[in-house]
Amino acid sequence: MKAVGVKALKARLSEYLRMVKSGEVILVTERDEVVAELRPARRQLRPADDVEEALEAMADRGEVTRAAVPKAGWTFRCRGLGLPPGTALKLLDAVRADRDEP
């Protein structure tokens, strides 16, 4: 691991980038204090065509875990509040009527 001051880094940036591309980590210092690290990128990012494709790729790399239950099998059931059918619509109509009054 090499250390370089900001001024020297600016003067020879291309040289240090070549070192980083070859796998070396460069510590950037300012007044003898490390302020940054230059290191090779983990992987080349590319935009995914859709979310499903991106999630599949991430799962293949082990970055996310697939759900145990397939999404198509998910259901949401609501028992309701035990009110007669149409109650919510009547309440909504009443609220709207109140809103329309001057």
PDB file of N, CA and C in Angstrom:
ATOM      1  N   MET A   1       0.860  -1.170   0.000  1.00  0.00           N
ATOM      2  CA  MET A   1       0.000   0.000   0.000  1.00  0.00           C
ATOM      3  C   MET A   1       0.905   1.231   0.000  1.00  0.00           C
ATOM      4  N   LYS A   2       0.636   2.133  -0.911  1.00  0.00           N
ATOM      5  CA  LYS A   2       1.427   3.356  -1.017  1.00  0.00           C
ATOM      6  C   LYS A   2       0.622   4.531  -0.495  1.00  0.00           C
ATOM      7  N   ALA A   3       1.331   5.550  -0.046  1.00  0.00           N
ATOM      8  CA  ALA A   3       0.698   6.794   0.387  1.00  0.00           C
ATOM      9  C   ALA A   3       1.238   7.923  -0.473  1.00  0.00           C
ATOM     10  N   VAL A   4       0.368   8.864  -0.791  1.00  0.00           N
ATOM     11  CA  VAL A   4       0.767   9.995  -1.626  1.00  0.00           C
ATOM     12  C   VAL A   4       0.028  11.239  -1.148  1.00  0.00           C
ATOM     13  N   GLY A   5       0.714  12.361  -1.159  1.00  0.00           N
ATOM     14  CA  GLY A   5       0.085  13.626  -0.807  1.00  0.00           C
ATOM     15  C   GLY A   5      -0.784  14.131  -1.941  1.00  0.00           C
ATOM     16  N   VAL A   6      -1.696  15.006  -1.610  1.00  0.00           N
ATOM     17  CA  VAL A   6      -2.639  15.535  -2.600  1.00  0.00           C
ATOM     18  C   VAL A   6      -1.896  16.221  -3.746  1.00  0.00           C
ATOM     19  N   LYS A   7      -0.899  17.021  -3.422  1.00  0.00           N
ATOM     20  CA  LYS A   7      -0.169  17.761  -4.454  1.00  0.00           C
ATOM     21  C   LYS A   7       0.523  16.807  -5.428  1.00  0.00           C
ATOM     22  N   ALA A   8       1.194  15.770  -4.896  1.00  0.00           N
ATOM     23  CA  ALA A   8       1.878  14.797  -5.753  1.00  0.00           C
ATOM     24  C   ALA A   8       0.871  13.979  -6.558  1.00  0.00           C
ATOM     25  N   LEU A   9      -0.271  13.665  -5.949  1.00  0.00           N
ATOM     26  CA  LEU A   9      -1.311  12.912  -6.658  1.00  0.00           C
ATOM     27  C   LEU A   9      -1.822  13.713  -7.852  1.00  0.00           C
ATOM     28  N   LYS A  10      -2.081  14.989  -7.654  1.00  0.00           N
ATOM     29  CA  LYS A  10      -2.557  15.835  -8.746  1.00  0.00           C
ATOM     30  C   LYS A  10      -1.528  15.914  -9.870  1.00  0.00           C
ATOM     31  N   ALA A  11      -0.263  15.965  -9.499  1.00  0.00           N
ATOM     32  CA  ALA A  11       0.795  16.098 -10.507  1.00  0.00           C
ATOM     33  C   ALA A  11       0.981  14.823 -11.318  1.00  0.00           C
ATOM     34  N   ARG A  12       0.716  13.648 -10.709  1.00  0.00           N
ATOM     35  CA  ARG A  12       0.966  12.373 -11.397  1.00  0.00           C
ATOM     36  C   ARG A  12      -0.261  11.457 -11.324  1.00  0.00           C
ATOM     37  N   LEU A  13      -1.439  12.035 -11.510  1.00  0.00           N
ATOM     38  CA  LEU A  13      -2.685  11.285 -11.364  1.00  0.00           C
ATOM     39  C   LEU A  13      -2.744  10.065 -12.272  1.00  0.00           C
ATOM     40  N   SER A  14      -2.381  10.204 -13.529  1.00  0.00           N
ATOM     41  CA  SER A  14      -2.447   9.073 -14.467  1.00  0.00           C
ATOM     42  C   SER A  14      -1.599   7.903 -13.987  1.00  0.00           C
ATOM     43  N   GLU A  15      -0.431   8.192 -13.470  1.00  0.00           N
ATOM     44  CA  GLU A  15       0.460   7.138 -12.974  1.00  0.00           C
ATOM     45  C   GLU A  15      -0.186   6.394 -11.803  1.00  0.00           C
ATOM     46  N   TYR A  16      -0.790   7.138 -10.869  1.00  0.00           N
ATOM     47  CA  TYR A  16      -1.427   6.498  -9.717  1.00  0.00           C
ATOM     48  C   TYR A  16      -2.675   5.720 -10.134  1.00  0.00           C
ATOM     49  N   LEU A  17      -3.401   6.218 -11.123  1.00  0.00           N
ATOM     50  CA  LEU A  17      -4.566   5.470 -11.607  1.00  0.00           C
ATOM     51  C   LEU A  17      -4.149   4.153 -12.252  1.00  0.00           C
ATOM     52  N   ARG A  18      -3.028   4.139 -12.946  1.00  0.00           N
ATOM     53  CA  ARG A  18      -2.519   2.879 -13.506  1.00  0.00           C
ATOM     54  C   ARG A  18      -2.205   1.889 -12.387  1.00  0.00           C
ATOM     55  N   MET A  19      -1.623   2.376 -11.296  1.00  0.00           N
ATOM     56  CA  MET A  19      -1.330   1.502 -10.156  1.00  0.00           C
ATOM     57  C   MET A  19      -2.617   0.922  -9.573  1.00  0.00           C
ATOM     58  N   VAL A  20      -3.627   1.773  -9.443  1.00  0.00           N
ATOM     59  CA  VAL A  20      -4.910   1.319  -8.894  1.00  0.00           C
ATOM     60  C   VAL A  20      -5.537   0.290  -9.821  1.00  0.00           C
ATOM     61  N   LYS A  21      -5.492   0.529 -11.122  1.00  0.00           N
ATOM     62  CA  LYS A  21      -6.044  -0.438 -12.084  1.00  0.00           C
ATOM     63  C   LYS A  21      -5.366  -1.788 -11.971  1.00  0.00           C
ATOM     64  N   SER A  22      -4.091  -1.786 -11.609  1.00  0.00           N
ATOM     65  CA  SER A  22      -3.362  -3.055 -11.481  1.00  0.00           C
ATOM     66  C   SER A  22      -3.616  -3.726 -10.132  1.00  0.00           C
ATOM     67  N   GLY A  23      -4.454  -3.119  -9.285  1.00  0.00           N
ATOM     68  CA  GLY A  23      -4.839  -3.765  -8.039  1.00  0.00           C
ATOM     69  C   GLY A  23      -4.270  -3.147  -6.779  1.00  0.00           C
ATOM     70  N   GLU A  24      -3.473  -2.127  -6.908  1.00  0.00           N
ATOM     71  CA  GLU A  24      -2.851  -1.514  -5.735  1.00  0.00           C
ATOM     72  C   GLU A  24      -3.799  -0.517  -5.071  1.00  0.00           C
ATOM     73  N   VAL A  25      -3.690  -0.401  -3.746  1.00  0.00           N
ATOM     74  CA  VAL A  25      -4.466   0.579  -2.987  1.00  0.00           C
ATOM     75  C   VAL A  25      -3.548   1.754  -2.675  1.00  0.00           C
ATOM     76  N   ILE A  26      -4.023   2.959  -2.936  1.00  0.00           N
ATOM     77  CA  ILE A  26      -3.244   4.172  -2.704  1.00  0.00           C
ATOM     78  C   ILE A  26      -3.932   4.983  -1.606  1.00  0.00           C
ATOM     79  N   LEU A  27      -3.183   5.334  -0.569  1.00  0.00           N
ATOM     80  CA  LEU A  27      -3.704   6.204   0.479  1.00  0.00           C
ATOM     81  C   LEU A  27      -3.380   7.643   0.106  1.00  0.00           C
ATOM     82  N   VAL A  28      -4.375   8.505   0.169  1.00  0.00           N
ATOM     83  CA  VAL A  28      -4.180   9.916  -0.147  1.00  0.00           C
ATOM     84  C   VAL A  28      -4.075  10.668   1.179  1.00  0.00           C
ATOM     85  N   THR A  29      -2.999  11.436   1.319  1.00  0.00           N
ATOM     86  CA  THR A  29      -2.776  12.158   2.570  1.00  0.00           C
ATOM     87  C   THR A  29      -2.819  13.660   2.350  1.00  0.00           C
ATOM     88  N   GLU A  30      -3.183  14.341   3.429  1.00  0.00           N
ATOM     89  CA  GLU A  30      -3.169  15.799   3.448  1.00  0.00           C
ATOM     90  C   GLU A  30      -2.581  16.202   4.793  1.00  0.00           C
ATOM     91  N   ARG A  31      -1.438  16.843   4.761  1.00  0.00           N
ATOM     92  CA  ARG A  31      -0.704  17.205   5.982  1.00  0.00           C
ATOM     93  C   ARG A  31      -0.460  15.971   6.853  1.00  0.00           C
ATOM     94  N   ASP A  32       0.015  14.911   6.224  1.00  0.00           N
ATOM     95  CA  ASP A  32       0.366  13.641   6.880  1.00  0.00           C
ATOM     96  C   ASP A  32      -0.820  12.908   7.509  1.00  0.00           C
ATOM     97  N   GLU A  33      -2.036  13.269   7.136  1.00  0.00           N
ATOM     98  CA  GLU A  33      -3.222  12.571   7.630  1.00  0.00           C
ATOM     99  C   GLU A  33      -3.930  11.932   6.437  1.00  0.00           C
ATOM    100  N   VAL A  34      -4.258  10.647   6.566  1.00  0.00           N
ATOM    101  CA  VAL A  34      -4.947   9.946   5.477  1.00  0.00           C
ATOM    102  C   VAL A  34      -6.368  10.497   5.364  1.00  0.00           C
ATOM    103  N   VAL A  35      -6.717  10.946   4.158  1.00  0.00           N
ATOM    104  CA  VAL A  35      -8.046  11.519   3.929  1.00  0.00           C
ATOM    105  C   VAL A  35      -8.873  10.714   2.931  1.00  0.00           C
ATOM    106  N   ALA A  36      -8.228   9.806   2.192  1.00  0.00           N
ATOM    107  CA  ALA A  36      -8.966   9.019   1.203  1.00  0.00           C
ATOM    108  C   ALA A  36      -8.163   7.789   0.815  1.00  0.00           C
ATOM    109  N   GLU A  37      -8.858   6.832   0.213  1.00  0.00           N
ATOM    110  CA  GLU A  37      -8.225   5.638  -0.355  1.00  0.00           C
ATOM    111  C   GLU A  37      -8.642   5.522  -1.804  1.00  0.00           C
ATOM    112  N   LEU A  38      -7.696   5.252  -2.656  1.00  0.00           N
ATOM    113  CA  LEU A  38      -8.000   4.928  -4.051  1.00  0.00           C
ATOM    114  C   LEU A  38      -7.804   3.431  -4.185  1.00  0.00           C
ATOM    115  N   ARG A  39      -8.835   2.734  -4.616  1.00  0.00           N
ATOM    116  CA  ARG A  39      -8.753   1.284  -4.764  1.00  0.00           C
ATOM    117  C   ARG A  39      -9.516   0.869  -6.009  1.00  0.00           C
ATOM    118  N   PRO A  40      -9.201  -0.304  -6.553  1.00  0.00           N
ATOM    119  CA  PRO A  40      -9.909  -0.757  -7.756  1.00  0.00           C
ATOM    120  C   PRO A  40     -11.405  -0.924  -7.481  1.00  0.00           C
ATOM    121  N   ALA A  41     -12.202  -0.622  -8.487  1.00  0.00           N
ATOM    122  CA  ALA A  41     -13.644  -0.847  -8.379  1.00  0.00           C
ATOM    123  C   ALA A  41     -13.894  -2.341  -8.283  1.00  0.00           C
ATOM    124  N   ARG A  42     -14.914  -2.725  -7.525  1.00  0.00           N
ATOM    125  CA  ARG A  42     -15.220  -4.148  -7.354  1.00  0.00           C
ATOM    126  C   ARG A  42     -15.691  -4.792  -8.642  1.00  0.00           C
ATOM    127  N   ARG A  43     -16.552  -4.092  -9.353  1.00  0.00           N
ATOM    128  CA  ARG A  43     -17.062  -4.637 -10.615  1.00  0.00           C
ATOM    129  C   ARG A  43     -17.558  -3.480 -11.468  1.00  0.00           C
ATOM    130  N   GLN A  44     -17.685  -3.765 -12.717  1.00  0.00           N
ATOM    131  CA  GLN A  44     -18.192  -2.760 -13.646  1.00  0.00           C
ATOM    132  C   GLN A  44     -19.707  -2.742 -13.544  1.00  0.00           C
ATOM    133  N   LEU A  45     -20.293  -1.608 -13.229  1.00  0.00           N
ATOM    134  CA  LEU A  45     -21.740  -1.501 -13.136  1.00  0.00           C
ATOM    135  C   LEU A  45     -22.316  -1.194 -14.508  1.00  0.00           C
ATOM    136  N   ARG A  46     -23.436  -1.824 -14.810  1.00  0.00           N
ATOM    137  CA  ARG A  46     -24.132  -1.518 -16.056  1.00  0.00           C
ATOM    138  C   ARG A  46     -25.609  -1.383 -15.731  1.00  0.00           C
ATOM    139  N   PRO A  47     -26.293  -0.501 -16.398  1.00  0.00           N
ATOM    140  CA  PRO A  47     -27.710  -0.333 -16.100  1.00  0.00           C
ATOM    141  C   PRO A  47     -28.499  -1.580 -16.492  1.00  0.00           C
ATOM    142  N   ALA A  48     -29.417  -1.973 -15.635  1.00  0.00           N
ATOM    143  CA  ALA A  48     -30.253  -3.142 -15.916  1.00  0.00           C
ATOM    144  C   ALA A  48     -31.462  -2.712 -16.742  1.00  0.00           C
ATOM    145  N   ASP A  49     -31.921  -3.619 -17.592  1.00  0.00           N
ATOM    146  CA  ASP A  49     -33.085  -3.311 -18.417  1.00  0.00           C
ATOM    147  C   ASP A  49     -34.352  -3.222 -17.577  1.00  0.00           C
ATOM    148  N   ASP A  50     -34.446  -4.053 -16.552  1.00  0.00           N
ATOM    149  CA  ASP A  50     -35.602  -3.969 -15.675  1.00  0.00           C
ATOM    150  C   ASP A  50     -35.220  -4.445 -14.273  1.00  0.00           C
ATOM    151  N   VAL A  51     -36.095  -4.209 -13.330  1.00  0.00           N
ATOM    152  CA  VAL A  51     -35.818  -4.513 -11.930  1.00  0.00           C
ATOM    153  C   VAL A  51     -35.652  -6.012 -11.714  1.00  0.00           C
ATOM    154  N   GLU A  52     -36.510  -6.816 -12.336  1.00  0.00           N
ATOM    155  CA  GLU A  52     -36.418  -8.267 -12.155  1.00  0.00           C
ATOM    156  C   GLU A  52     -35.058  -8.791 -12.603  1.00  0.00           C
ATOM    157  N   GLU A  53     -34.576  -8.290 -13.738  1.00  0.00           N
ATOM    158  CA  GLU A  53     -33.272  -8.714 -14.245  1.00  0.00           C
ATOM    159  C   GLU A  53     -32.163  -8.317 -13.271  1.00  0.00           C
ATOM    160  N   ALA A  54     -32.258  -7.105 -12.740  1.00  0.00           N
ATOM    161  CA  ALA A  54     -31.248  -6.631 -11.789  1.00  0.00           C
ATOM    162  C   ALA A  54     -31.263  -7.473 -10.519  1.00  0.00           C
ATOM    163  N   LEU A  55     -32.450  -7.795 -10.012  1.00  0.00           N
ATOM    164  CA  LEU A  55     -32.546  -8.613  -8.803  1.00  0.00           C
ATOM    165  C   LEU A  55     -32.017 -10.021  -9.037  1.00  0.00           C
ATOM    166  N   GLU A  56     -32.312 -10.593 -10.195  1.00  0.00           N
ATOM    167  CA  GLU A  56     -31.791 -11.924 -10.514  1.00  0.00           C
ATOM    168  C   GLU A  56     -30.263 -11.916 -10.549  1.00  0.00           C
ATOM    169  N   ALA A  57     -29.693 -10.894 -11.171  1.00  0.00           N
ATOM    170  CA  ALA A  57     -28.235 -10.788 -11.243  1.00  0.00           C
ATOM    171  C   ALA A  57     -27.638 -10.633  -9.851  1.00  0.00           C
ATOM    172  N   MET A  58     -28.276  -9.828  -9.003  1.00  0.00           N
ATOM    173  CA  MET A  58     -27.784  -9.645  -7.639  1.00  0.00           C
ATOM    174  C   MET A  58     -27.891 -10.939  -6.842  1.00  0.00           C
ATOM    175  N   ALA A  59     -28.968 -11.693  -7.041  1.00  0.00           N
ATOM    176  CA  ALA A  59     -29.125 -12.974  -6.351  1.00  0.00           C
ATOM    177  C   ALA A  59     -28.066 -13.965  -6.812  1.00  0.00           C
ATOM    178  N   ASP A  60     -27.770 -13.966  -8.104  1.00  0.00           N
ATOM    179  CA  ASP A  60     -26.732 -14.860  -8.626  1.00  0.00           C
ATOM    180  C   ASP A  60     -25.368 -14.547  -8.024  1.00  0.00           C
ATOM    181  N   ARG A  61     -25.120 -13.259  -7.726  1.00  0.00           N
ATOM    182  CA  ARG A  61     -23.843 -12.858  -7.124  1.00  0.00           C
ATOM    183  C   ARG A  61     -23.855 -13.007  -5.609  1.00  0.00           C
ATOM    184  N   GLY A  62     -25.006 -13.357  -5.028  1.00  0.00           N
ATOM    185  CA  GLY A  62     -25.095 -13.520  -3.583  1.00  0.00           C
ATOM    186  C   GLY A  62     -25.291 -12.221  -2.823  1.00  0.00           C
ATOM    187  N   GLU A  63     -25.683 -11.161  -3.507  1.00  0.00           N
ATOM    188  CA  GLU A  63     -25.865  -9.864  -2.859  1.00  0.00           C
ATOM    189  C   GLU A  63     -27.242  -9.724  -2.227  1.00  0.00           C
ATOM    190  N   VAL A  64     -28.220 -10.468  -2.716  1.00  0.00           N
ATOM    191  CA  VAL A  64     -29.558 -10.512  -2.128  1.00  0.00           C
ATOM    192  C   VAL A  64     -29.988 -11.966  -2.079  1.00  0.00           C
ATOM    193  N   THR A  65     -31.012 -12.240  -1.290  1.00  0.00           N
ATOM    194  CA  THR A  65     -31.525 -13.603  -1.169  1.00  0.00           C
ATOM    195  C   THR A  65     -32.917 -13.656  -1.770  1.00  0.00           C
ATOM    196  N   ARG A  66     -33.161 -14.685  -2.557  1.00  0.00           N
ATOM    197  CA  ARG A  66     -34.495 -14.853  -3.148  1.00  0.00           C
ATOM    198  C   ARG A  66     -35.497 -15.205  -2.045  1.00  0.00           C
ATOM    199  N   ALA A  67     -36.735 -14.785  -2.237  1.00  0.00           N
ATOM    200  CA  ALA A  67     -37.788 -15.089  -1.272  1.00  0.00           C
ATOM    201  C   ALA A  67     -38.078 -16.578  -1.263  1.00  0.00           C
ATOM    202  N   ALA A  68     -38.441 -17.100  -0.100  1.00  0.00           N
ATOM    203  CA  ALA A  68     -38.753 -18.518   0.013  1.00  0.00           C
ATOM    204  C   ALA A  68     -40.089 -18.841  -0.651  1.00  0.00           C
ATOM    205  N   VAL A  69     -41.017 -17.893  -0.617  1.00  0.00           N
ATOM    206  CA  VAL A  69     -42.336 -18.079  -1.223  1.00  0.00           C
ATOM    207  C   VAL A  69     -42.390 -17.234  -2.487  1.00  0.00           C
ATOM    208  N   PRO A  70     -42.723 -17.826  -3.630  1.00  0.00           N
ATOM    209  CA  PRO A  70     -42.800 -17.036  -4.860  1.00  0.00           C
ATOM    210  C   PRO A  70     -43.844 -15.927  -4.745  1.00  0.00           C
ATOM    211  N   LYS A  71     -43.573 -14.807  -5.394  1.00  0.00           N
ATOM    212  CA  LYS A  71     -44.462 -13.650  -5.313  1.00  0.00           C
ATOM    213  C   LYS A  71     -45.874 -13.991  -5.778  1.00  0.00           C
ATOM    214  N   ALA A  72     -46.015 -14.851  -6.759  1.00  0.00           N
ATOM    215  CA  ALA A  72     -47.335 -15.191  -7.286  1.00  0.00           C
ATOM    216  C   ALA A  72     -48.198 -15.878  -6.232  1.00  0.00           C
ATOM    217  N   GLY A  73     -47.576 -16.503  -5.238  1.00  0.00           N
ATOM    218  CA  GLY A  73     -48.325 -17.200  -4.201  1.00  0.00           C
ATOM    219  C   GLY A  73     -48.767 -16.309  -3.055  1.00  0.00           C
ATOM    220  N   TRP A  74     -48.361 -15.041  -3.077  1.00  0.00           N
ATOM    221  CA  TRP A  74     -48.720 -14.155  -1.983  1.00  0.00           C
ATOM    222  C   TRP A  74     -50.174 -13.733  -2.109  1.00  0.00           C
ATOM    223  N   THR A  75     -50.869 -13.743  -1.020  1.00  0.00           N
ATOM    224  CA  THR A  75     -52.242 -13.240  -1.004  1.00  0.00           C
ATOM    225  C   THR A  75     -52.424 -12.388   0.239  1.00  0.00           C
ATOM    226  N   PHE A  76     -53.365 -11.487   0.173  1.00  0.00           N
ATOM    227  CA  PHE A  76     -53.687 -10.651   1.314  1.00  0.00           C
ATOM    228  C   PHE A  76     -55.161 -10.839   1.589  1.00  0.00           C
ATOM    229  N   ARG A  77     -55.451 -11.289   2.763  1.00  0.00           N
ATOM    230  CA  ARG A  77     -56.851 -11.512   3.122  1.00  0.00           C
ATOM    231  C   ARG A  77     -57.224 -10.547   4.239  1.00  0.00           C
ATOM    232  N   CYS A  78     -58.396 -10.000   4.121  1.00  0.00           N
ATOM    233  CA  CYS A  78     -58.895  -9.084   5.140  1.00  0.00           C
ATOM    234  C   CYS A  78     -60.285  -9.550   5.554  1.00  0.00           C
ATOM    235  N   ARG A  79     -60.466  -9.733   6.846  1.00  0.00           N
ATOM    236  CA  ARG A  79     -61.767 -10.177   7.323  1.00  0.00           C
ATOM    237  C   ARG A  79     -62.748  -9.026   7.411  1.00  0.00           C
ATOM    238  N   GLY A  80     -62.257  -7.812   7.319  1.00  0.00           N
ATOM    239  CA  GLY A  80     -63.149  -6.664   7.400  1.00  0.00           C
ATOM    240  C   GLY A  80     -63.502  -6.325   8.837  1.00  0.00           C
ATOM    241  N   LEU A  81     -64.407  -5.373   8.979  1.00  0.00           N
ATOM    242  CA  LEU A  81     -64.799  -4.906  10.310  1.00  0.00           C
ATOM    243  C   LEU A  81     -66.165  -5.424  10.727  1.00  0.00           C
ATOM    244  N   GLY A  82     -66.779  -6.244   9.914  1.00  0.00           N
ATOM    245  CA  GLY A  82     -68.099  -6.767  10.241  1.00  0.00           C
ATOM    246  C   GLY A  82     -69.225  -5.792   9.933  1.00  0.00           C
ATOM    247  N   LEU A  83     -68.956  -4.790   9.138  1.00  0.00           N
ATOM    248  CA  LEU A  83     -69.985  -3.819   8.765  1.00  0.00           C
ATOM    249  C   LEU A  83     -70.697  -4.303   7.509  1.00  0.00           C
ATOM    250  N   PRO A  84     -71.945  -3.874   7.321  1.00  0.00           N
ATOM    251  CA  PRO A  84     -72.679  -4.306   6.134  1.00  0.00           C
ATOM    252  C   PRO A  84     -72.008  -3.813   4.849  1.00  0.00           C
ATOM    253  N   PRO A  85     -72.177  -4.541   3.748  1.00  0.00           N
ATOM    254  CA  PRO A  85     -71.598  -4.118   2.475  1.00  0.00           C
ATOM    255  C   PRO A  85     -72.093  -2.727   2.088  1.00  0.00           C
ATOM    256  N   GLY A  86     -71.195  -1.912   1.544  1.00  0.00           N
ATOM    257  CA  GLY A  86     -71.555  -0.572   1.095  1.00  0.00           C
ATOM    258  C   GLY A  86     -71.367   0.504   2.153  1.00  0.00           C
ATOM    259  N   THR A  87     -71.014   0.109   3.382  1.00  0.00           N
ATOM    260  CA  THR A  87     -70.859   1.092   4.457  1.00  0.00           C
ATOM    261  C   THR A  87     -69.745   2.091   4.141  1.00  0.00           C
ATOM    262  N   ALA A  88     -68.621   1.613   3.673  1.00  0.00           N
ATOM    263  CA  ALA A  88     -67.495   2.498   3.370  1.00  0.00           C
ATOM    264  C   ALA A  88     -67.875   3.497   2.286  1.00  0.00           C
ATOM    265  N   LEU A  89     -68.605   3.043   1.281  1.00  0.00           N
ATOM    266  CA  LEU A  89     -69.018   3.936   0.200  1.00  0.00           C
ATOM    267  C   LEU A  89     -69.962   5.022   0.717  1.00  0.00           C
ATOM    268  N   LYS A  90     -70.884   4.637   1.613  1.00  0.00           N
ATOM    269  CA  LYS A  90     -71.806   5.623   2.190  1.00  0.00           C
ATOM    270  C   LYS A  90     -71.042   6.661   3.011  1.00  0.00           C
ATOM    271  N   LEU A  91     -70.074   6.217   3.802  1.00  0.00           N
ATOM    272  CA  LEU A  91     -69.276   7.146   4.599  1.00  0.00           C
ATOM    273  C   LEU A  91     -68.472   8.086   3.709  1.00  0.00           C
ATOM    274  N   LEU A  92     -67.901   7.544   2.657  1.00  0.00           N
ATOM    275  CA  LEU A  92     -67.121   8.355   1.727  1.00  0.00           C
ATOM    276  C   LEU A  92     -68.002   9.392   1.041  1.00  0.00           C
ATOM    277  N   ASP A  93     -69.201   8.995   0.647  1.00  0.00           N
ATOM    278  CA  ASP A  93     -70.142   9.943   0.039  1.00  0.00           C
ATOM    279  C   ASP A  93     -70.507  11.055   1.021  1.00  0.00           C
ATOM    280  N   ALA A  94     -70.682  10.714   2.302  1.00  0.00           N
ATOM    281  CA  ALA A  94     -71.023  11.717   3.316  1.00  0.00           C
ATOM    282  C   ALA A  94     -69.873  12.705   3.506  1.00  0.00           C
ATOM    283  N   VAL A  95     -68.652  12.211   3.526  1.00  0.00           N
ATOM    284  CA  VAL A  95     -67.488  13.092   3.670  1.00  0.00           C
ATOM    285  C   VAL A  95     -67.388  14.021   2.470  1.00  0.00           C
ATOM    286  N   ARG A  96     -67.603  13.485   1.293  1.00  0.00           N
ATOM    287  CA  ARG A  96     -67.536  14.315   0.086  1.00  0.00           C
ATOM    288  C   ARG A  96     -68.628  15.378   0.081  1.00  0.00           C
ATOM    289  N   ALA A  97     -69.818  15.019   0.560  1.00  0.00           N
ATOM    290  CA  ALA A  97     -70.923  15.978   0.613  1.00  0.00           C
ATOM    291  C   ALA A  97     -70.595  17.106   1.590  1.00  0.00           C
ATOM    292  N   ASP A  98     -69.999  16.760   2.740  1.00  0.00           N
ATOM    293  CA  ASP A  98     -69.605  17.786   3.717  1.00  0.00           C
ATOM    294  C   ASP A  98     -68.569  18.729   3.122  1.00  0.00           C
ATOM    295  N   ARG A  99     -67.669  18.193   2.333  1.00  0.00           N
ATOM    296  CA  ARG A  99     -66.601  18.984   1.725  1.00  0.00           C
ATOM    297  C   ARG A  99     -67.173  19.974   0.701  1.00  0.00           C
ATOM    298  N   ASP A 100     -68.254  19.574   0.020  1.00  0.00           N
ATOM    299  CA  ASP A 100     -68.836  20.418  -1.020  1.00  0.00           C
ATOM    300  C   ASP A 100     -69.702  21.537  -0.457  1.00  0.00           C
ATOM    301  N   GLU A 101     -70.142  21.418   0.810  1.00  0.00           N
ATOM    302  CA  GLU A 101     -70.989  22.462   1.402  1.00  0.00           C
ATOM    303  C   GLU A 101     -70.163  23.707   1.684  1.00  0.00           C
ATOM    304  N   PRO A 102     -70.785  24.906   1.465  1.00  0.00           N
ATOM    305  CA  PRO A 102     -70.051  26.162   1.713  1.00  0.00           C
ATOM    306  C   PRO A 102     -69.818  26.448   3.171  1.00  0.00           C
TER     307      PRO A 102
END
